[in-house]
Protein backbone atom coordinates (compact mmCIF):
# COMPACT_ATOMS: atom_id res chain seq x y z
CA UNK A 1 141.92 -205.61 12.86
CA UNK A 2 139.76 -205.92 15.64
CA UNK A 3 136.25 -204.17 14.66
CA UNK A 4 134.51 -202.65 17.56
CA UNK A 5 130.89 -201.79 17.17
CA UNK A 6 129.99 -198.30 18.82
CA UNK A 7 126.80 -196.47 19.61
CA UNK A 8 126.29 -193.55 17.16
CA UNK A 9 123.92 -190.61 16.09
CA UNK A 10 123.77 -187.95 15.28
CA UNK A 11 125.62 -185.31 17.51
CA UNK A 12 123.58 -183.40 19.56
CA UNK A 13 125.02 -179.52 20.76
CA UNK A 14 126.19 -181.11 24.05
CA UNK A 15 129.11 -182.72 21.94
CA UNK A 16 132.08 -180.75 22.30
CA UNK A 17 135.10 -181.07 20.30
CA UNK A 18 138.42 -180.57 21.45
CA UNK A 19 141.94 -180.52 19.37
CA UNK A 20 144.82 -182.27 21.66
CA UNK A 21 148.06 -181.44 19.02
CA UNK A 22 146.81 -182.59 15.73
CA UNK A 23 143.93 -185.18 16.74
CA UNK A 24 140.39 -183.97 16.45
CA UNK A 25 138.50 -186.15 19.85
CA UNK A 26 135.12 -185.85 20.71
CA UNK A 27 133.97 -185.63 24.00
CA UNK A 28 130.43 -186.99 25.05
CA UNK A 29 128.47 -186.19 28.16
CA UNK A 30 126.56 -188.63 29.75
CA UNK A 31 123.25 -188.13 28.95
CA UNK A 32 123.84 -188.00 25.39
CA UNK A 33 125.20 -191.18 25.82
CA UNK A 34 122.22 -192.73 27.75
CA UNK A 35 119.79 -190.88 25.09
CA UNK A 36 121.68 -192.68 22.45
CA UNK A 37 121.08 -195.78 24.06
CA UNK A 38 117.62 -195.86 24.10
CA UNK A 39 117.75 -195.44 19.80
CA UNK A 40 120.91 -197.17 19.04
CA UNK A 41 122.94 -197.69 15.62
CA UNK A 42 125.60 -200.31 15.86
CA UNK A 43 128.67 -198.88 13.31
CA UNK A 44 132.15 -200.25 12.75
CA UNK A 45 134.63 -197.97 14.21
CA UNK A 46 137.37 -198.83 12.03
CA UNK A 47 138.94 -195.24 10.53
CA UNK A 48 135.95 -195.14 8.36
CA UNK A 49 132.31 -194.65 8.82
CA UNK A 50 130.12 -196.37 7.09
CA UNK A 51 126.87 -194.71 5.45
CA UNK A 52 123.24 -195.01 7.95
CA UNK A 53 119.92 -193.98 7.43
CA UNK A 54 117.78 -192.43 10.25
CA UNK A 55 114.44 -190.63 11.31
CA UNK A 56 115.13 -186.98 12.59
CA UNK A 57 112.91 -183.84 12.03
CA UNK A 58 115.41 -183.10 8.72
CA UNK A 59 114.01 -186.25 6.98
CA UNK A 60 117.49 -187.45 6.64
CA UNK A 61 120.86 -188.16 8.13
CA UNK A 62 124.06 -188.81 5.95
CA UNK A 63 127.22 -190.11 7.29
CA UNK A 64 129.47 -190.61 4.63
CA UNK A 65 131.48 -193.65 3.98
CA UNK A 66 135.30 -192.60 2.60
CA UNK A 67 137.82 -195.08 2.06
CA UNK A 68 141.49 -193.15 1.40
CA UNK A 69 142.71 -194.12 -1.88
CA UNK A 70 145.92 -193.74 -1.24
CA UNK A 71 145.98 -194.75 2.74
CA UNK A 72 148.96 -193.74 5.02
CA UNK A 73 151.37 -196.08 5.91
CA UNK A 74 152.89 -194.30 9.18
CA UNK A 75 150.78 -191.32 10.09
CA UNK A 76 147.32 -191.63 10.98
CA UNK A 77 144.27 -190.40 9.01
CA UNK A 78 143.01 -186.71 10.56
CA UNK A 79 139.50 -186.24 10.97
CA UNK A 80 136.88 -183.13 10.21
CA UNK A 81 133.39 -182.98 10.43
CA UNK A 82 131.13 -182.92 7.28
CA UNK A 83 128.54 -180.22 7.48
CA UNK A 84 125.15 -179.00 5.72
CA UNK A 85 124.12 -175.72 4.32
CA UNK A 86 120.53 -176.16 4.89
CA UNK A 87 120.39 -174.01 7.76
CA UNK A 88 122.10 -171.16 9.38
CA UNK A 89 123.56 -172.83 12.24
CA UNK A 90 124.66 -176.03 10.32
CA UNK A 91 123.71 -180.03 11.13
CA UNK A 92 126.49 -182.01 11.32
CA UNK A 93 125.66 -184.90 9.10
CA UNK A 94 129.09 -186.89 9.16
CA UNK A 95 132.60 -187.22 10.25
CA UNK A 96 135.13 -188.25 7.59
CA UNK A 97 139.04 -189.14 7.54
CA UNK A 98 141.60 -187.15 6.18
CA UNK A 99 144.64 -188.31 4.40
CA UNK A 100 147.63 -186.61 6.86
CA UNK A 101 149.97 -185.85 3.82
CA UNK A 102 147.52 -183.39 2.35
CA UNK A 103 145.76 -181.84 5.45
CA UNK A 104 148.35 -182.42 8.82
CA UNK A 105 151.76 -181.28 6.47
CA UNK A 106 154.33 -179.02 8.01
CA UNK A 107 153.08 -175.19 7.45
CA UNK A 108 156.75 -174.37 5.58
CA UNK A 109 156.55 -170.37 5.37
CA UNK A 110 158.79 -170.30 2.59
CA UNK A 111 157.11 -172.40 0.56
CA UNK A 112 153.93 -170.95 0.69
CA UNK A 113 156.10 -166.98 -0.46
CA UNK A 114 157.44 -168.66 -3.11
CA UNK A 115 153.82 -169.84 -4.54
CA UNK A 116 152.70 -166.92 -3.65
CA UNK A 117 155.16 -164.63 -5.05
CA UNK A 118 155.01 -166.83 -8.13
CA UNK A 119 151.32 -166.24 -8.71
CA UNK A 120 151.87 -162.86 -8.55
CA UNK A 121 154.93 -162.48 -11.10
CA UNK A 122 153.35 -164.40 -13.72
CA UNK A 123 150.51 -162.47 -14.62
CA UNK A 124 152.12 -159.39 -14.20
CA UNK A 125 153.12 -157.58 -16.99
CA UNK A 126 155.21 -154.25 -17.73
CA UNK A 127 153.45 -152.07 -20.33
CA UNK A 128 156.48 -149.03 -19.83
CA UNK A 129 157.64 -147.85 -23.19
CA UNK A 130 159.50 -145.55 -24.36
CA UNK A 131 160.66 -144.61 -27.95
CA UNK A 132 164.13 -144.47 -29.59
CA UNK A 133 165.54 -142.00 -31.77
CA UNK A 134 164.36 -143.97 -34.84
CA UNK A 135 160.47 -144.13 -33.53
CA UNK A 136 160.37 -140.06 -33.10
CA UNK A 137 158.74 -137.82 -35.36
CA UNK A 138 160.96 -135.50 -37.48
CA UNK A 139 164.54 -134.70 -36.98
CA UNK A 140 165.17 -136.18 -40.77
CA UNK A 141 167.25 -132.56 -41.73
CA UNK A 142 170.85 -131.95 -40.41
CA UNK A 143 170.42 -129.12 -37.74
CA UNK A 144 173.59 -127.18 -38.80
CA UNK A 145 176.75 -128.09 -40.96
CA UNK A 146 179.25 -130.19 -40.12
CA UNK A 147 181.49 -127.59 -40.26
CA UNK A 148 182.74 -124.02 -39.75
CA UNK A 149 179.98 -123.43 -37.04
CA UNK A 150 182.28 -123.70 -34.01
CA UNK A 151 180.00 -126.21 -32.41
CA UNK A 152 179.65 -130.09 -32.05
CA UNK A 153 178.44 -132.20 -34.58
CA UNK A 154 175.06 -133.60 -35.02
CA UNK A 155 172.99 -135.45 -37.58
CA UNK A 156 169.31 -134.98 -35.79
CA UNK A 157 167.44 -133.08 -33.60
CA UNK A 158 165.63 -136.48 -32.32
CA UNK A 159 169.30 -137.24 -30.73
CA UNK A 160 169.17 -138.38 -27.02
CA UNK A 161 171.56 -135.72 -26.56
CA UNK A 162 168.79 -132.81 -27.92
CA UNK A 163 165.31 -132.22 -25.38
CA UNK A 164 162.34 -133.70 -27.14
CA UNK A 165 164.56 -136.28 -28.01
CA UNK A 166 164.20 -140.63 -28.26
CA UNK A 167 164.84 -142.46 -25.06
CA UNK A 168 168.65 -144.05 -25.52
CA UNK A 169 168.16 -146.83 -22.76
CA UNK A 170 164.49 -146.68 -22.00
CA UNK A 171 162.06 -149.40 -21.17
CA UNK A 172 160.98 -151.27 -24.51
CA UNK A 173 157.70 -152.55 -22.86
CA UNK A 174 155.41 -154.89 -22.96
CA UNK A 175 157.67 -156.89 -20.38
CA UNK A 176 156.80 -160.59 -19.14
CA UNK A 177 157.53 -161.88 -15.83
CA UNK A 178 156.31 -164.97 -16.39
CA UNK A 179 158.05 -168.00 -15.04
CA UNK A 180 157.15 -171.95 -14.04
CA UNK A 181 157.80 -172.77 -10.44
CA UNK A 182 158.75 -176.55 -10.29
CA UNK A 183 156.02 -178.66 -9.68
CA UNK A 184 157.29 -180.21 -6.10
CA UNK A 185 157.25 -176.87 -5.04
CA UNK A 186 153.41 -176.01 -6.36
CA UNK A 187 152.37 -179.70 -4.71
CA UNK A 188 153.94 -178.54 -1.57
CA UNK A 189 152.52 -174.88 -1.39
CA UNK A 190 149.05 -176.48 -1.73
CA UNK A 191 149.69 -179.18 1.07
CA UNK A 192 151.01 -176.94 3.37
CA UNK A 193 147.94 -173.91 3.09
CA UNK A 194 145.39 -176.25 2.99
CA UNK A 195 146.93 -178.03 6.56
CA UNK A 196 147.38 -174.29 7.93
CA UNK A 197 144.28 -173.39 7.10
CA UNK A 198 142.74 -177.16 8.92
CA UNK A 199 144.64 -176.63 11.81
CA UNK A 200 143.41 -173.01 12.09
CA UNK A 201 139.53 -173.96 11.67
CA UNK A 202 139.95 -172.12 9.20
CA UNK A 203 138.92 -175.04 6.78
CA UNK A 204 135.61 -177.04 6.55
CA UNK A 205 133.92 -179.38 4.97
CA UNK A 206 130.06 -179.71 3.83
CA UNK A 207 127.90 -182.41 1.97
CA UNK A 208 127.05 -180.49 -0.95
CA UNK A 209 126.30 -177.29 -2.13
CA UNK A 210 123.39 -178.71 -3.36
CA UNK A 211 121.99 -178.07 0.12
CA UNK A 212 121.77 -174.90 0.17
CA UNK A 213 118.27 -173.93 0.90
CA UNK A 214 117.87 -170.15 -0.43
CA UNK A 215 119.22 -168.42 -3.38
CA UNK A 216 119.05 -164.96 -1.31
CA UNK A 217 122.48 -163.28 -0.66
CA UNK A 218 121.42 -162.54 3.02
CA UNK A 219 120.91 -166.11 4.03
CA UNK A 220 124.58 -167.11 2.51
CA UNK A 221 125.95 -164.14 4.55
CA UNK A 222 123.90 -164.71 7.76
CA UNK A 223 125.26 -168.63 7.23
CA UNK A 224 128.39 -167.49 7.13
CA UNK A 225 128.14 -164.69 10.17
CA UNK A 226 126.68 -167.56 12.38
CA UNK A 227 129.37 -170.07 12.17
CA UNK A 228 132.07 -167.60 12.02
CA UNK A 229 133.60 -168.15 8.90
CA UNK A 230 134.71 -164.16 8.33
CA UNK A 231 133.86 -161.53 5.45
CA UNK A 232 135.13 -163.62 2.87
CA UNK A 233 134.79 -167.54 2.34
CA UNK A 234 136.43 -169.40 -0.56
CA UNK A 235 133.87 -172.19 -2.01
CA UNK A 236 135.46 -175.32 -3.96
CA UNK A 237 133.64 -177.86 -5.68
CA UNK A 238 134.85 -180.69 -7.88
CA UNK A 239 133.22 -178.90 -11.00
CA UNK A 240 132.66 -175.51 -12.21
CA UNK A 241 128.87 -175.85 -12.31
CA UNK A 242 127.78 -174.42 -9.67
CA UNK A 243 124.56 -175.19 -7.97
CA UNK A 244 122.17 -172.46 -9.19
CA UNK A 245 121.36 -171.28 -5.46
CA UNK A 246 124.66 -170.71 -4.46
CA UNK A 247 125.50 -169.06 -8.05
CA UNK A 248 122.82 -166.79 -7.34
CA UNK A 249 124.22 -166.06 -3.37
CA UNK A 250 127.52 -165.87 -4.24
CA UNK A 251 126.60 -163.49 -7.19
CA UNK A 252 125.24 -160.41 -4.69
CA UNK A 253 128.21 -160.90 -2.49
CA UNK A 254 131.82 -160.21 -3.98
CA UNK A 255 133.86 -161.35 -1.12
CA UNK A 256 132.49 -165.14 -1.39
CA UNK A 257 133.96 -166.89 -4.33
CA UNK A 258 132.85 -170.56 -6.07
CA UNK A 259 136.42 -171.93 -7.56
CA UNK A 260 136.37 -175.42 -9.30
CA UNK A 261 139.32 -177.47 -7.94
CA UNK A 262 141.13 -177.07 -10.79
CA UNK A 263 141.63 -173.34 -9.93
CA UNK A 264 142.58 -173.76 -6.19
CA UNK A 265 145.63 -172.01 -5.55
CA UNK A 266 147.62 -170.84 -2.37
CA UNK A 267 147.07 -166.94 -3.09
CA UNK A 268 142.91 -167.85 -3.29
CA UNK A 269 142.96 -169.83 0.12
CA UNK A 270 145.47 -167.11 2.15
CA UNK A 271 143.10 -163.92 0.50
CA UNK A 272 140.14 -165.86 1.79
CA UNK A 273 139.44 -166.19 5.43
CA UNK A 274 137.30 -169.59 5.50
CA UNK A 275 138.03 -172.17 2.93
CA UNK A 276 134.99 -174.18 2.16
CA UNK A 277 135.55 -178.08 0.50
CA UNK A 278 132.75 -180.26 -0.51
CA UNK A 279 133.29 -184.00 -0.15
CA UNK A 280 134.05 -184.91 -3.75
CA UNK A 281 136.24 -181.29 -3.69
CA UNK A 282 138.24 -183.55 -0.88
CA UNK A 283 138.69 -186.82 -2.73
CA UNK A 284 139.62 -185.15 -6.32
CA UNK A 285 142.40 -183.02 -4.31
CA UNK A 286 143.99 -185.68 -2.66
CA UNK A 287 143.89 -188.10 -5.66
CA UNK A 288 145.46 -185.23 -7.82
CA UNK A 289 147.95 -184.39 -4.79
CA UNK A 290 148.83 -188.16 -3.86
CA UNK A 291 149.28 -188.83 -7.72
CA UNK A 292 151.95 -186.11 -8.33
CA UNK A 293 153.64 -187.15 -4.85
CA UNK A 294 154.11 -190.84 -6.20
CA UNK A 295 155.09 -189.36 -9.86
CA UNK A 296 157.91 -187.28 -7.85
CA UNK A 297 158.56 -190.43 -6.09
CA UNK A 298 159.19 -192.13 -9.11
CA UNK A 299 161.50 -189.63 -10.49
CA UNK A 300 163.75 -189.07 -7.76
CA UNK A 301 166.94 -190.95 -8.01
CA UNK A 302 167.19 -191.39 -4.44
CA UNK A 303 164.24 -194.03 -4.61
CA UNK A 304 165.36 -195.76 -8.13
CA UNK A 305 166.62 -199.34 -6.94
């Protein structure tokens, strides 16, 4: 592979992003290129971007060096900007590759529907309950003699034939609707939902949640409005120990949710308008989903030698 040095610095507002098919391309204006030539920074262009430091008004500029744990054999990695939460506008601090098997999967609507249906049913419990004649109070005495009355024979006034009697075939709750969806469809649903969010520009990547500069809920709400994130945002990190500022800011915003990677699911991603992942969360998501793919491939008899 031939490594070509390119001139790269912090993206300016003149950078225009275009989505052509599934590839994310950047078109730089001539004025920006002339400006970058005056202050060059040589970087290798080979699918990943190396880490470098450069002086700026925010004291640091970071580009993440990210190697894919399971490099794709046939498809081209997708690329996504890495933003920071320090300012309202959001400064681009890097450009990282994303695995195409995770973030460029064909959006199977039927698989996503099966995942949402499974999530709604496995936590649903029907508590409807009706008592039988044995559970009703009273009714121990025979209402009238067996013979010589001209009426039908009965043994208890709590029979289902009487008003106020027990139910014959009523609901006997609590009844659980829990069932386990197979591993292949669960992994496929996550990949399809992540790919659909990424294709619709509703998935964003930040360097870390520690970069949020203010614990005020108004600041986080204004940040989401400035970046067109919508009214509901799902923040996902690799651990459940969240940064102090973002935990305090989300506490006053019911539509802003914090979630660790191990709790990521299709229903929550579809419920929120925007999904925000940290770089560490992206690493763990790709690692776990590709591990599941390898496990399913090993257990598949079609791939057995």
